[in-house]
């Protein structure tokens, strides 16, 4: 077990609100094999949309080098995202390199799950610890509406089964709930995983990016979802698994597992956010709702030293003052243009 860096360690920067850098989310691919309306609506991201070329994306060596610098500033947890990260060829190799970095305690992956049956065992062998799988409904019609007509619940379930068989646990299932779209299927999804090691997490529909046609009226609050589930299966709140965990955790009173709620809209948790995000072509973002980022690829490829890159990252975090979700609550007006979620992961 690596040594946890003290928050008082001068090498560990604190942002303008006293938040330490602890988590790094790395987008390895801007493409996806789904077209979920709340992330990559197919009317925008169709056949003519220009995604990044291979040369524009960071190489595995570049990702590993940058990650090692983030580790020296306090990062202990890594999550690989997309787009769909399993579309990136050779991803297990990258996971092996990242998991071997001294100081890294947890490497996780967020995926839509349909490619897990062919990759789960290799991912585990290379050092992946756990996966989070997106699954918004078990109803095939609702699923297809939300995925843009791609994939099926059965394919995602097969991916979850493959992850459990490979030992990638705990497996978490993320469900983005939209009023009038999939809220009527929530209880079926919860019931499917009760009594299993899979943890279902209900996520409030968020205004990420600029193209998902977000409407506050479609947000189903975490409290409403909790009350619906609690009315059928009694819940009791349990402690966070680690400081800064975004999901509120609840266990079933009958011992049949747990469920979580992520309430970014109704109960913002900006004050405990310790996440930085690295896009697939090397732009550093300090918030999921950021409107701009800091380019790390250009200086990296221009020959900047590790010391120079480290100061660029450190300076970005020291200047960080993001609290978008809190501001949304206090000032519910039209925000400035934001980066798209597919670009930096959820």
C-alpha atoms as a PDB file:
ATOM      1  CA  UNK A   1       0.000   0.000   0.000  1.00  0.00           C
ATOM      2  CA  UNK A   2       1.439   3.335  -1.007  1.00  0.00           C
ATOM      3  CA  UNK A   3       1.794   6.131   1.470  1.00  0.00           C
ATOM      4  CA  UNK A   4      -1.027   8.673   1.453  1.00  0.00           C
ATOM      5  CA  UNK A   5       0.275  12.186   0.955  1.00  0.00           C
ATOM      6  CA  UNK A   6      -0.754  14.474   3.810  1.00  0.00           C
ATOM      7  CA  UNK A   7      -2.973  17.412   2.883  1.00  0.00           C
ATOM      8  CA  UNK A   8      -0.335  19.541   4.636  1.00  0.00           C
ATOM      9  CA  UNK A   9       2.386  18.286   2.308  1.00  0.00           C
ATOM     10  CA  UNK A  10       3.720  21.357   0.460  1.00  0.00           C
ATOM     11  CA  UNK A  11       4.007  19.271  -2.712  1.00  0.00           C
ATOM     12  CA  UNK A  12       0.247  18.766  -2.747  1.00  0.00           C
ATOM     13  CA  UNK A  13      -1.474  21.872  -4.120  1.00  0.00           C
ATOM     14  CA  UNK A  14      -4.789  23.162  -2.823  1.00  0.00           C
ATOM     15  CA  UNK A  15      -7.089  25.102  -5.094  1.00  0.00           C
ATOM     16  CA  UNK A  16      -8.721  28.440  -4.280  1.00  0.00           C
ATOM     17  CA  UNK A  17     -11.357  26.653  -2.175  1.00  0.00           C
ATOM     18  CA  UNK A  18      -8.919  24.455  -0.274  1.00  0.00           C
ATOM     19  CA  UNK A  19      -9.554  21.303  -2.300  1.00  0.00           C
ATOM     20  CA  UNK A  20      -6.668  18.890  -2.836  1.00  0.00           C
ATOM     21  CA  UNK A  21      -5.948  17.080  -6.083  1.00  0.00           C
ATOM     22  CA  UNK A  22      -6.697  13.382  -5.549  1.00  0.00           C
ATOM     23  CA  UNK A  23      -8.498  11.952  -8.599  1.00  0.00           C
ATOM     24  CA  UNK A  24      -7.644  12.057 -12.296  1.00  0.00           C
ATOM     25  CA  UNK A  25     -10.132  11.118 -15.001  1.00  0.00           C
ATOM     26  CA  UNK A  26      -8.447  10.331 -18.300  1.00  0.00           C
ATOM     27  CA  UNK A  27     -10.416  10.306 -21.541  1.00  0.00           C
ATOM     28  CA  UNK A  28      -8.630   7.959 -23.928  1.00  0.00           C
ATOM     29  CA  UNK A  29     -11.115   8.143 -26.808  1.00  0.00           C
ATOM     30  CA  UNK A  30     -13.550  10.804 -28.043  1.00  0.00           C
ATOM     31  CA  UNK A  31     -15.530   8.306 -30.148  1.00  0.00           C
ATOM     32  CA  UNK A  32     -18.378   6.118 -28.901  1.00  0.00           C
ATOM     33  CA  UNK A  33     -20.443   3.230 -30.263  1.00  0.00           C
ATOM     34  CA  UNK A  34     -23.609   4.668 -28.652  1.00  0.00           C
ATOM     35  CA  UNK A  35     -25.373   7.976 -29.277  1.00  0.00           C
ATOM     36  CA  UNK A  36     -26.990   8.692 -25.913  1.00  0.00           C
ATOM     37  CA  UNK A  37     -29.103  11.835 -26.184  1.00  0.00           C
ATOM     38  CA  UNK A  38     -27.758  13.309 -22.928  1.00  0.00           C
ATOM     39  CA  UNK A  39     -24.149  12.953 -24.108  1.00  0.00           C
ATOM     40  CA  UNK A  40     -23.689  12.459 -27.882  1.00  0.00           C
ATOM     41  CA  UNK A  41     -27.057  13.019 -29.617  1.00  0.00           C
ATOM     42  CA  UNK A  42     -26.986  11.383 -33.030  1.00  0.00           C
ATOM     43  CA  UNK A  43     -28.421  14.414 -34.800  1.00  0.00           C
ATOM     44  CA  UNK A  44     -25.136  16.191 -33.987  1.00  0.00           C
ATOM     45  CA  UNK A  45     -22.644  13.327 -33.898  1.00  0.00           C
ATOM     46  CA  UNK A  46     -23.569  11.637 -37.153  1.00  0.00           C
ATOM     47  CA  UNK A  47     -21.448  10.108 -39.888  1.00  0.00           C
ATOM     48  CA  UNK A  48     -20.091  13.480 -40.971  1.00  0.00           C
ATOM     49  CA  UNK A  49     -18.888  14.561 -37.547  1.00  0.00           C
ATOM     50  CA  UNK A  50     -15.112  14.981 -37.329  1.00  0.00           C
ATOM     51  CA  UNK A  51     -13.580  13.196 -34.372  1.00  0.00           C
ATOM     52  CA  UNK A  52      -9.920  13.355 -33.409  1.00  0.00           C
ATOM     53  CA  UNK A  53      -7.363  11.544 -35.522  1.00  0.00           C
ATOM     54  CA  UNK A  54      -4.976   9.066 -33.926  1.00  0.00           C
ATOM     55  CA  UNK A  55      -2.134  11.577 -34.115  1.00  0.00           C
ATOM     56  CA  UNK A  56      -4.201  14.173 -32.252  1.00  0.00           C
ATOM     57  CA  UNK A  57      -4.832  11.871 -29.311  1.00  0.00           C
ATOM     58  CA  UNK A  58      -2.234  11.474 -26.603  1.00  0.00           C
ATOM     59  CA  UNK A  59      -0.146   8.336 -27.004  1.00  0.00           C
ATOM     60  CA  UNK A  60      -0.010   5.815 -24.174  1.00  0.00           C
ATOM     61  CA  UNK A  61       3.504   6.980 -23.329  1.00  0.00           C
ATOM     62  CA  UNK A  62       2.314  10.589 -23.149  1.00  0.00           C
ATOM     63  CA  UNK A  63      -0.645   9.652 -20.944  1.00  0.00           C
ATOM     64  CA  UNK A  64       1.617   7.682 -18.612  1.00  0.00           C
ATOM     65  CA  UNK A  65       4.152  10.495 -18.389  1.00  0.00           C
ATOM     66  CA  UNK A  66       1.515  13.100 -17.590  1.00  0.00           C
ATOM     67  CA  UNK A  67      -0.182  10.803 -15.086  1.00  0.00           C
ATOM     68  CA  UNK A  68       3.087  10.309 -13.222  1.00  0.00           C
ATOM     69  CA  UNK A  69       3.261  14.098 -12.795  1.00  0.00           C
ATOM     70  CA  UNK A  70      -0.282  14.201 -11.448  1.00  0.00           C
ATOM     71  CA  UNK A  71       0.669  11.446  -9.010  1.00  0.00           C
ATOM     72  CA  UNK A  72       3.520  13.574  -7.679  1.00  0.00           C
ATOM     73  CA  UNK A  73       0.915  16.255  -6.885  1.00  0.00           C
ATOM     74  CA  UNK A  74      -1.320  13.903  -4.905  1.00  0.00           C
ATOM     75  CA  UNK A  75      -3.405  11.890  -7.366  1.00  0.00           C
ATOM     76  CA  UNK A  76      -4.095   8.395  -6.043  1.00  0.00           C
ATOM     77  CA  UNK A  77      -7.146   7.332  -8.046  1.00  0.00           C
ATOM     78  CA  UNK A  78      -7.436   7.035 -11.811  1.00  0.00           C
ATOM     79  CA  UNK A  79     -10.528   6.521 -13.933  1.00  0.00           C
ATOM     80  CA  UNK A  80     -10.342   5.873 -17.677  1.00  0.00           C
ATOM     81  CA  UNK A  81     -13.258   7.262 -19.652  1.00  0.00           C
ATOM     82  CA  UNK A  82     -14.293   8.254 -23.169  1.00  0.00           C
ATOM     83  CA  UNK A  83     -16.335   8.475 -25.272  1.00  0.00           C
ATOM     84  CA  UNK A  84     -16.176   4.725 -25.036  1.00  0.00           C
ATOM     85  CA  UNK A  85     -12.695   3.842 -23.730  1.00  0.00           C
ATOM     86  CA  UNK A  86     -12.808   0.234 -24.930  1.00  0.00           C
ATOM     87  CA  UNK A  87     -12.743   1.506 -28.517  1.00  0.00           C
ATOM     88  CA  UNK A  88      -9.108   2.506 -27.936  1.00  0.00           C
ATOM     89  CA  UNK A  89      -6.927  -0.281 -29.279  1.00  0.00           C
ATOM     90  CA  UNK A  90      -4.521  -1.791 -26.762  1.00  0.00           C
ATOM     91  CA  UNK A  91      -6.210  -0.233 -23.730  1.00  0.00           C
ATOM     92  CA  UNK A  92      -5.159  -3.059 -21.346  1.00  0.00           C
ATOM     93  CA  UNK A  93      -1.526  -2.170 -22.089  1.00  0.00           C
ATOM     94  CA  UNK A  94      -2.115   1.399 -20.923  1.00  0.00           C
ATOM     95  CA  UNK A  95      -3.869   0.154 -17.810  1.00  0.00           C
ATOM     96  CA  UNK A  96      -0.866  -1.991 -16.997  1.00  0.00           C
ATOM     97  CA  UNK A  97       1.454   1.003 -17.288  1.00  0.00           C
ATOM     98  CA  UNK A  98      -0.774   3.214 -15.144  1.00  0.00           C
ATOM     99  CA  UNK A  99      -1.416   0.600 -12.471  1.00  0.00           C
ATOM    100  CA  UNK A 100       2.360   0.160 -12.083  1.00  0.00           C
ATOM    101  CA  UNK A 101       2.960   3.822 -11.224  1.00  0.00           C
ATOM    102  CA  UNK A 102       4.159   4.148  -7.609  1.00  0.00           C
ATOM    103  CA  UNK A 103       1.455   5.812  -5.546  1.00  0.00           C
ATOM    104  CA  UNK A 104      -1.553   4.722  -7.605  1.00  0.00           C
ATOM    105  CA  UNK A 105      -4.054   2.899  -5.402  1.00  0.00           C
ATOM    106  CA  UNK A 106      -7.058   2.492  -7.670  1.00  0.00           C
ATOM    107  CA  UNK A 107      -7.573   2.236 -11.434  1.00  0.00           C
ATOM    108  CA  UNK A 108     -11.177   2.138 -12.650  1.00  0.00           C
ATOM    109  CA  UNK A 109     -12.990   2.261 -15.984  1.00  0.00           C
ATOM    110  CA  UNK A 110     -16.316   3.766 -17.060  1.00  0.00           C
ATOM    111  CA  UNK A 111     -17.896   2.048 -20.071  1.00  0.00           C
ATOM    112  CA  UNK A 112     -21.207   1.309 -21.751  1.00  0.00           C
ATOM    113  CA  UNK A 113     -20.338  -2.345 -21.194  1.00  0.00           C
ATOM    114  CA  UNK A 114     -20.981  -3.956 -24.563  1.00  0.00           C
ATOM    115  CA  UNK A 115     -17.286  -4.675 -25.234  1.00  0.00           C
ATOM    116  CA  UNK A 116     -16.536  -6.038 -21.766  1.00  0.00           C
ATOM    117  CA  UNK A 117     -17.143  -9.721 -22.595  1.00  0.00           C
ATOM    118  CA  UNK A 118     -14.074  -9.732 -24.857  1.00  0.00           C
ATOM    119  CA  UNK A 119     -11.877  -7.507 -22.680  1.00  0.00           C
ATOM    120  CA  UNK A 120     -12.762  -7.957 -18.984  1.00  0.00           C
ATOM    121  CA  UNK A 121     -10.302 -10.756 -18.190  1.00  0.00           C
ATOM    122  CA  UNK A 122      -7.388  -8.975 -19.893  1.00  0.00           C
ATOM    123  CA  UNK A 123      -8.240  -5.673 -18.194  1.00  0.00           C
ATOM    124  CA  UNK A 124      -8.184  -7.390 -14.808  1.00  0.00           C
ATOM    125  CA  UNK A 125      -4.900  -9.141 -15.566  1.00  0.00           C
ATOM    126  CA  UNK A 126      -3.279  -5.820 -16.428  1.00  0.00           C
ATOM    127  CA  UNK A 127      -4.294  -4.185 -13.162  1.00  0.00           C
ATOM    128  CA  UNK A 128      -7.776  -2.705 -13.601  1.00  0.00           C
ATOM    129  CA  UNK A 129      -9.523  -2.750 -10.258  1.00  0.00           C
ATOM    130  CA  UNK A 130     -13.174  -2.126 -11.057  1.00  0.00           C
ATOM    131  CA  UNK A 131     -15.661  -0.945 -13.657  1.00  0.00           C
ATOM    132  CA  UNK A 132     -18.646   1.344 -13.772  1.00  0.00           C
ATOM    133  CA  UNK A 133     -21.172   0.454 -16.453  1.00  0.00           C
ATOM    134  CA  UNK A 134     -23.803   2.791 -17.869  1.00  0.00           C
ATOM    135  CA  UNK A 135     -27.270   1.218 -18.045  1.00  0.00           C
ATOM    136  CA  UNK A 136     -30.267   3.551 -18.126  1.00  0.00           C
ATOM    137  CA  UNK A 137     -33.055   0.990 -18.452  1.00  0.00           C
ATOM    138  CA  UNK A 138     -33.742  -2.723 -18.823  1.00  0.00           C
ATOM    139  CA  UNK A 139     -36.693  -1.975 -21.108  1.00  0.00           C
ATOM    140  CA  UNK A 140     -35.392  -2.513 -24.676  1.00  0.00           C
ATOM    141  CA  UNK A 141     -37.483   0.287 -26.163  1.00  0.00           C
ATOM    142  CA  UNK A 142     -36.475   2.805 -23.508  1.00  0.00           C
ATOM    143  CA  UNK A 143     -32.850   1.680 -23.758  1.00  0.00           C
ATOM    144  CA  UNK A 144     -32.811   2.153 -27.536  1.00  0.00           C
ATOM    145  CA  UNK A 145     -34.395   5.578 -27.224  1.00  0.00           C
ATOM    146  CA  UNK A 146     -31.707   6.668 -24.772  1.00  0.00           C
ATOM    147  CA  UNK A 147     -28.751   5.009 -26.563  1.00  0.00           C
ATOM    148  CA  UNK A 148     -29.655   6.394 -29.962  1.00  0.00           C
ATOM    149  CA  UNK A 149     -30.657   2.944 -31.197  1.00  0.00           C
ATOM    150  CA  UNK A 150     -27.357   1.222 -30.452  1.00  0.00           C
ATOM    151  CA  UNK A 151     -26.732  -1.805 -28.236  1.00  0.00           C
ATOM    152  CA  UNK A 152     -29.217  -3.619 -26.021  1.00  0.00           C
ATOM    153  CA  UNK A 153     -29.784  -4.258 -22.325  1.00  0.00           C
ATOM    154  CA  UNK A 154     -28.797  -7.896 -22.816  1.00  0.00           C
ATOM    155  CA  UNK A 155     -25.409  -6.878 -24.249  1.00  0.00           C
ATOM    156  CA  UNK A 156     -24.752  -4.594 -21.288  1.00  0.00           C
ATOM    157  CA  UNK A 157     -25.833  -7.288 -18.832  1.00  0.00           C
ATOM    158  CA  UNK A 158     -23.418  -9.701 -20.508  1.00  0.00           C
ATOM    159  CA  UNK A 159     -20.667  -7.154 -19.961  1.00  0.00           C
ATOM    160  CA  UNK A 160     -21.556  -6.847 -16.293  1.00  0.00           C
ATOM    161  CA  UNK A 161     -21.511 -10.631 -15.912  1.00  0.00           C
ATOM    162  CA  UNK A 162     -18.100 -10.796 -17.597  1.00  0.00           C
ATOM    163  CA  UNK A 163     -16.758  -8.155 -15.229  1.00  0.00           C
ATOM    164  CA  UNK A 164     -17.980 -10.030 -12.175  1.00  0.00           C
ATOM    165  CA  UNK A 165     -16.491 -13.268 -13.497  1.00  0.00           C
ATOM    166  CA  UNK A 166     -13.150 -11.520 -14.031  1.00  0.00           C
ATOM    167  CA  UNK A 167     -13.121 -10.142 -10.484  1.00  0.00           C
ATOM    168  CA  UNK A 168     -13.609  -6.495 -11.440  1.00  0.00           C
ATOM    169  CA  UNK A 169     -15.535  -5.459  -8.398  1.00  0.00           C
ATOM    170  CA  UNK A 170     -17.440  -3.870  -7.016  1.00  0.00           C
ATOM    171  CA  UNK A 171     -19.235  -3.318 -10.309  1.00  0.00           C
ATOM    172  CA  UNK A 172     -21.290  -0.137 -10.303  1.00  0.00           C
ATOM    173  CA  UNK A 173     -24.161   0.617 -12.664  1.00  0.00           C
ATOM    174  CA  UNK A 174     -24.842   4.258 -13.481  1.00  0.00           C
ATOM    175  CA  UNK A 175     -28.388   5.182 -14.462  1.00  0.00           C
ATOM    176  CA  UNK A 176     -29.121   8.723 -15.661  1.00  0.00           C
ATOM    177  CA  UNK A 177     -32.768   9.336 -14.816  1.00  0.00           C
ATOM    178  CA  UNK A 178     -34.940  11.615 -16.953  1.00  0.00           C
ATOM    179  CA  UNK A 179     -38.553  12.409 -16.171  1.00  0.00           C
ATOM    180  CA  UNK A 180     -40.867  11.047 -18.821  1.00  0.00           C
ATOM    181  CA  UNK A 181     -38.102   9.017 -20.427  1.00  0.00           C
ATOM    182  CA  UNK A 182     -36.886   6.242 -18.105  1.00  0.00           C
ATOM    183  CA  UNK A 183     -38.060   7.194 -14.613  1.00  0.00           C
ATOM    184  CA  UNK A 184     -40.849   4.611 -14.800  1.00  0.00           C
ATOM    185  CA  UNK A 185     -38.277   1.806 -15.234  1.00  0.00           C
ATOM    186  CA  UNK A 186     -36.088   2.631 -12.221  1.00  0.00           C
ATOM    187  CA  UNK A 187     -37.575   0.087  -9.827  1.00  0.00           C
ATOM    188  CA  UNK A 188     -37.136  -2.742 -12.338  1.00  0.00           C
ATOM    189  CA  UNK A 189     -33.456  -1.860 -12.715  1.00  0.00           C
ATOM    190  CA  UNK A 190     -32.941  -1.735  -8.958  1.00  0.00           C
ATOM    191  CA  UNK A 191     -34.732  -5.042  -8.457  1.00  0.00           C
ATOM    192  CA  UNK A 192     -32.584  -6.722 -11.124  1.00  0.00           C
ATOM    193  CA  UNK A 193     -29.428  -6.145  -9.091  1.00  0.00           C
ATOM    194  CA  UNK A 194     -30.729  -6.551  -5.548  1.00  0.00           C
ATOM    195  CA  UNK A 195     -28.984  -9.478  -3.903  1.00  0.00           C
ATOM    196  CA  UNK A 196     -25.955  -9.194  -6.201  1.00  0.00           C
ATOM    197  CA  UNK A 197     -22.559  -7.498  -5.781  1.00  0.00           C
ATOM    198  CA  UNK A 198     -23.627  -4.838  -8.317  1.00  0.00           C
ATOM    199  CA  UNK A 199     -24.309  -1.358  -6.933  1.00  0.00           C
ATOM    200  CA  UNK A 200     -26.872   0.695  -8.841  1.00  0.00           C
ATOM    201  CA  UNK A 201     -26.376   4.459  -8.704  1.00  0.00           C
ATOM    202  CA  UNK A 202     -29.107   6.887  -9.737  1.00  0.00           C
ATOM    203  CA  UNK A 203     -27.758  10.059 -11.353  1.00  0.00           C
ATOM    204  CA  UNK A 204     -29.708  13.261 -11.742  1.00  0.00           C
ATOM    205  CA  UNK A 205     -29.929  14.425 -15.353  1.00  0.00           C
ATOM    206  CA  UNK A 206     -27.280  17.159 -15.720  1.00  0.00           C
ATOM    207  CA  UNK A 207     -26.717  20.062 -18.101  1.00  0.00           C
ATOM    208  CA  UNK A 208     -23.347  18.827 -19.320  1.00  0.00           C
ATOM    209  CA  UNK A 209     -22.179  20.340 -22.590  1.00  0.00           C
ATOM    210  CA  UNK A 210     -24.373  22.328 -24.964  1.00  0.00           C
ATOM    211  CA  UNK A 211     -26.145  19.771 -27.126  1.00  0.00           C
ATOM    212  CA  UNK A 212     -28.184  17.560 -24.805  1.00  0.00           C
ATOM    213  CA  UNK A 213     -31.263  19.850 -24.683  1.00  0.00           C
ATOM    214  CA  UNK A 214     -31.213  19.904 -20.900  1.00  0.00           C
ATOM    215  CA  UNK A 215     -34.462  20.905 -19.253  1.00  0.00           C
ATOM    216  CA  UNK A 216     -34.725  21.211 -15.483  1.00  0.00           C
ATOM    217  CA  UNK A 217     -38.264  19.867 -15.699  1.00  0.00           C
ATOM    218  CA  UNK A 218     -36.803  16.510 -16.751  1.00  0.00           C
ATOM    219  CA  UNK A 219     -34.645  16.261 -13.620  1.00  0.00           C
ATOM    220  CA  UNK A 220     -35.889  13.687 -11.129  1.00  0.00           C
ATOM    221  CA  UNK A 221     -34.342  14.551  -7.782  1.00  0.00           C
ATOM    222  CA  UNK A 222     -32.286  12.052  -5.850  1.00  0.00           C
ATOM    223  CA  UNK A 223     -34.680  12.525  -2.934  1.00  0.00           C
ATOM    224  CA  UNK A 224     -37.636  11.500  -5.106  1.00  0.00           C
ATOM    225  CA  UNK A 225     -35.766   8.447  -6.348  1.00  0.00           C
ATOM    226  CA  UNK A 226     -34.709   7.519  -2.812  1.00  0.00           C
ATOM    227  CA  UNK A 227     -38.287   7.749  -1.589  1.00  0.00           C
ATOM    228  CA  UNK A 228     -39.589   5.562  -4.430  1.00  0.00           C
ATOM    229  CA  UNK A 229     -37.050   2.841  -3.737  1.00  0.00           C
ATOM    230  CA  UNK A 230     -37.370   3.152   0.042  1.00  0.00           C
ATOM    231  CA  UNK A 231     -41.143   2.694  -0.218  1.00  0.00           C
ATOM    232  CA  UNK A 232     -40.583  -0.759  -1.715  1.00  0.00           C
ATOM    233  CA  UNK A 233     -37.334  -1.815  -0.037  1.00  0.00           C
ATOM    234  CA  UNK A 234     -36.355  -0.101   3.187  1.00  0.00           C
ATOM    235  CA  UNK A 235     -33.044   1.742   2.990  1.00  0.00           C
ATOM    236  CA  UNK A 236     -30.601   2.965   5.607  1.00  0.00           C
ATOM    237  CA  UNK A 237     -27.830   5.438   4.890  1.00  0.00           C
ATOM    238  CA  UNK A 238     -24.244   4.243   5.223  1.00  0.00           C
ATOM    239  CA  UNK A 239     -20.952   6.106   5.424  1.00  0.00           C
ATOM    240  CA  UNK A 240     -19.029   7.158   2.294  1.00  0.00           C
ATOM    241  CA  UNK A 241     -16.432   4.666   1.119  1.00  0.00           C
ATOM    242  CA  UNK A 242     -13.822   7.445   0.995  1.00  0.00           C
ATOM    243  CA  UNK A 243     -13.632  11.223   1.597  1.00  0.00           C
ATOM    244  CA  UNK A 244     -15.176  13.210  -1.235  1.00  0.00           C
ATOM    245  CA  UNK A 245     -17.301  10.357  -2.608  1.00  0.00           C
ATOM    246  CA  UNK A 246     -19.983  11.927  -4.785  1.00  0.00           C
ATOM    247  CA  UNK A 247     -22.668   9.280  -4.294  1.00  0.00           C
ATOM    248  CA  UNK A 248     -24.770   9.072  -1.160  1.00  0.00           C
ATOM    249  CA  UNK A 249     -24.770   5.407  -0.196  1.00  0.00           C
ATOM    250  CA  UNK A 250     -27.717   3.435   1.153  1.00  0.00           C
ATOM    251  CA  UNK A 251     -27.905  -0.215   2.158  1.00  0.00           C
ATOM    252  CA  UNK A 252     -31.017  -2.341   1.935  1.00  0.00           C
ATOM    253  CA  UNK A 253     -32.267  -3.085   5.423  1.00  0.00           C
ATOM    254  CA  UNK A 254     -32.646  -6.767   4.508  1.00  0.00           C
ATOM    255  CA  UNK A 255     -28.952  -7.025   3.600  1.00  0.00           C
ATOM    256  CA  UNK A 256     -29.492  -7.336  -0.150  1.00  0.00           C
ATOM    257  CA  UNK A 257     -26.763  -4.908  -1.142  1.00  0.00           C
ATOM    258  CA  UNK A 258     -26.730  -1.167  -1.665  1.00  0.00           C
ATOM    259  CA  UNK A 259     -27.830   1.642  -3.947  1.00  0.00           C
ATOM    260  CA  UNK A 260     -26.405   5.115  -4.465  1.00  0.00           C
ATOM    261  CA  UNK A 261     -27.656   8.549  -5.485  1.00  0.00           C
ATOM    262  CA  UNK A 262     -25.658  11.274  -7.255  1.00  0.00           C
ATOM    263  CA  UNK A 263     -27.429  14.595  -6.800  1.00  0.00           C
ATOM    264  CA  UNK A 264     -25.334  17.094  -8.736  1.00  0.00           C
ATOM    265  CA  UNK A 265     -28.360  19.266  -9.517  1.00  0.00           C
ATOM    266  CA  UNK A 266     -30.431  19.219  -6.331  1.00  0.00           C
ATOM    267  CA  UNK A 267     -27.577  18.816  -3.820  1.00  0.00           C
ATOM    268  CA  UNK A 268     -24.328  20.113  -5.374  1.00  0.00           C
ATOM    269  CA  UNK A 269     -21.119  18.658  -3.950  1.00  0.00           C
ATOM    270  CA  UNK A 270     -18.595  21.073  -5.454  1.00  0.00           C
ATOM    271  CA  UNK A 271     -17.031  21.695  -2.049  1.00  0.00           C
ATOM    272  CA  UNK A 272     -15.609  18.181  -1.912  1.00  0.00           C
ATOM    273  CA  UNK A 273     -14.556  17.797  -5.544  1.00  0.00           C
ATOM    274  CA  UNK A 274     -10.958  16.594  -5.890  1.00  0.00           C
ATOM    275  CA  UNK A 275     -11.101  15.651  -9.601  1.00  0.00           C
ATOM    276  CA  UNK A 276      -9.064  16.807 -12.553  1.00  0.00           C
ATOM    277  CA  UNK A 277      -9.899  15.704 -16.082  1.00  0.00           C
ATOM    278  CA  UNK A 278      -7.549  15.064 -18.994  1.00  0.00           C
ATOM    279  CA  UNK A 279      -9.085  14.972 -22.472  1.00  0.00           C
ATOM    280  CA  UNK A 280      -7.935  12.494 -25.098  1.00  0.00           C
ATOM    281  CA  UNK A 281      -5.861  15.128 -26.907  1.00  0.00           C
ATOM    282  CA  UNK A 282      -4.234  16.410 -23.733  1.00  0.00           C
ATOM    283  CA  UNK A 283      -6.298  19.329 -22.440  1.00  0.00           C
ATOM    284  CA  UNK A 284      -6.572  19.624 -18.660  1.00  0.00           C
ATOM    285  CA  UNK A 285      -9.997  20.555 -17.289  1.00  0.00           C
ATOM    286  CA  UNK A 286     -10.728  21.268 -13.647  1.00  0.00           C
ATOM    287  CA  UNK A 287     -14.508  20.784 -13.791  1.00  0.00           C
ATOM    288  CA  UNK A 288     -16.989  18.587 -15.644  1.00  0.00           C
ATOM    289  CA  UNK A 289     -18.801  21.798 -16.621  1.00  0.00           C
ATOM    290  CA  UNK A 290     -15.681  23.733 -17.669  1.00  0.00           C
ATOM    291  CA  UNK A 291     -15.818  26.128 -20.600  1.00  0.00           C
ATOM    292  CA  UNK A 292     -12.082  25.991 -21.315  1.00  0.00           C
ATOM    293  CA  UNK A 293      -8.990  23.999 -20.383  1.00  0.00           C
ATOM    294  CA  UNK A 294      -5.203  24.129 -20.356  1.00  0.00           C
ATOM    295  CA  UNK A 295      -3.299  22.517 -23.232  1.00  0.00           C
ATOM    296  CA  UNK A 296      -0.708  20.017 -22.017  1.00  0.00           C
ATOM    297  CA  UNK A 297      -0.069  18.274 -25.348  1.00  0.00           C
ATOM    298  CA  UNK A 298       1.570  21.223 -27.120  1.00  0.00           C
ATOM    299  CA  UNK A 299       4.297  21.876 -24.537  1.00  0.00           C
ATOM    300  CA  UNK A 300       4.759  18.137 -24.016  1.00  0.00           C
ATOM    301  CA  UNK A 301       5.426  17.573 -27.718  1.00  0.00           C
ATOM    302  CA  UNK A 302       7.538  20.725 -27.911  1.00  0.00           C
ATOM    303  CA  UNK A 303      10.024  19.181 -25.498  1.00  0.00           C
ATOM    304  CA  UNK A 304       9.006  20.684 -22.145  1.00  0.00           C
ATOM    305  CA  UNK A 305      10.751  19.073 -19.181  1.00  0.00           C
ATOM    306  CA  UNK A 306       8.935  17.229 -16.436  1.00  0.00           C
ATOM    307  CA  UNK A 307       9.620  20.177 -14.117  1.00  0.00           C
ATOM    308  CA  UNK A 308       8.034  22.594 -16.596  1.00  0.00           C
ATOM    309  CA  UNK A 309       5.008  20.371 -17.125  1.00  0.00           C
ATOM    310  CA  UNK A 310       4.649  19.873 -13.394  1.00  0.00           C
ATOM    311  CA  UNK A 311       4.504  23.605 -12.774  1.00  0.00           C
ATOM    312  CA  UNK A 312       1.914  24.020 -15.528  1.00  0.00           C
ATOM    313  CA  UNK A 313      -0.310  21.413 -13.878  1.00  0.00           C
ATOM    314  CA  UNK A 314       0.313  22.727 -10.371  1.00  0.00           C
ATOM    315  CA  UNK A 315      -0.427  26.305 -11.406  1.00  0.00           C
ATOM    316  CA  UNK A 316      -3.681  25.257 -13.041  1.00  0.00           C
ATOM    317  CA  UNK A 317      -4.846  23.504  -9.892  1.00  0.00           C
ATOM    318  CA  UNK A 318      -3.759  26.365  -7.602  1.00  0.00           C
ATOM    319  CA  UNK A 319      -5.863  28.761  -9.686  1.00  0.00           C
ATOM    320  CA  UNK A 320      -8.912  26.467  -9.713  1.00  0.00           C
ATOM    321  CA  UNK A 321     -12.082  28.056  -8.350  1.00  0.00           C
ATOM    322  CA  UNK A 322     -14.809  25.952 -10.018  1.00  0.00           C
ATOM    323  CA  UNK A 323     -18.198  25.496  -8.383  1.00  0.00           C
ATOM    324  CA  UNK A 324     -20.555  25.356 -11.336  1.00  0.00           C
ATOM    325  CA  UNK A 325     -23.249  23.180  -9.751  1.00  0.00           C
ATOM    326  CA  UNK A 326     -23.494  25.461  -6.742  1.00  0.00           C
ATOM    327  CA  UNK A 327     -23.730  28.474  -9.042  1.00  0.00           C
ATOM    328  CA  UNK A 328     -26.433  26.745 -11.084  1.00  0.00           C
ATOM    329  CA  UNK A 329     -28.479  26.443  -7.919  1.00  0.00           C
ATOM    330  CA  UNK A 330     -27.845  30.022  -6.806  1.00  0.00           C
ATOM    331  CA  UNK A 331     -28.142  31.607 -10.258  1.00  0.00           C
ATOM    332  CA  UNK A 332     -30.256  29.430 -12.598  1.00  0.00           C
ATOM    333  CA  UNK A 333     -29.511  31.381 -15.755  1.00  0.00           C
ATOM    334  CA  UNK A 334     -28.099  30.289 -19.095  1.00  0.00           C
ATOM    335  CA  UNK A 335     -24.422  29.372 -18.567  1.00  0.00           C
ATOM    336  CA  UNK A 336     -21.543  30.102 -20.861  1.00  0.00           C
ATOM    337  CA  UNK A 337     -20.638  27.445 -23.411  1.00  0.00           C
ATOM    338  CA  UNK A 338     -19.368  24.233 -21.761  1.00  0.00           C
ATOM    339  CA  UNK A 339     -17.191  21.392 -22.949  1.00  0.00           C
ATOM    340  CA  UNK A 340     -19.110  18.292 -24.081  1.00  0.00           C
ATOM    341  CA  UNK A 341     -19.263  15.314 -21.712  1.00  0.00           C
ATOM    342  CA  UNK A 342     -18.151  12.785 -24.350  1.00  0.00           C
ATOM    343  CA  UNK A 343     -14.962  14.800 -24.636  1.00  0.00           C
ATOM    344  CA  UNK A 344     -13.843  14.505 -21.023  1.00  0.00           C
ATOM    345  CA  UNK A 345     -15.913  11.657 -19.604  1.00  0.00           C
ATOM    346  CA  UNK A 346     -18.607  11.798 -16.947  1.00  0.00           C
END
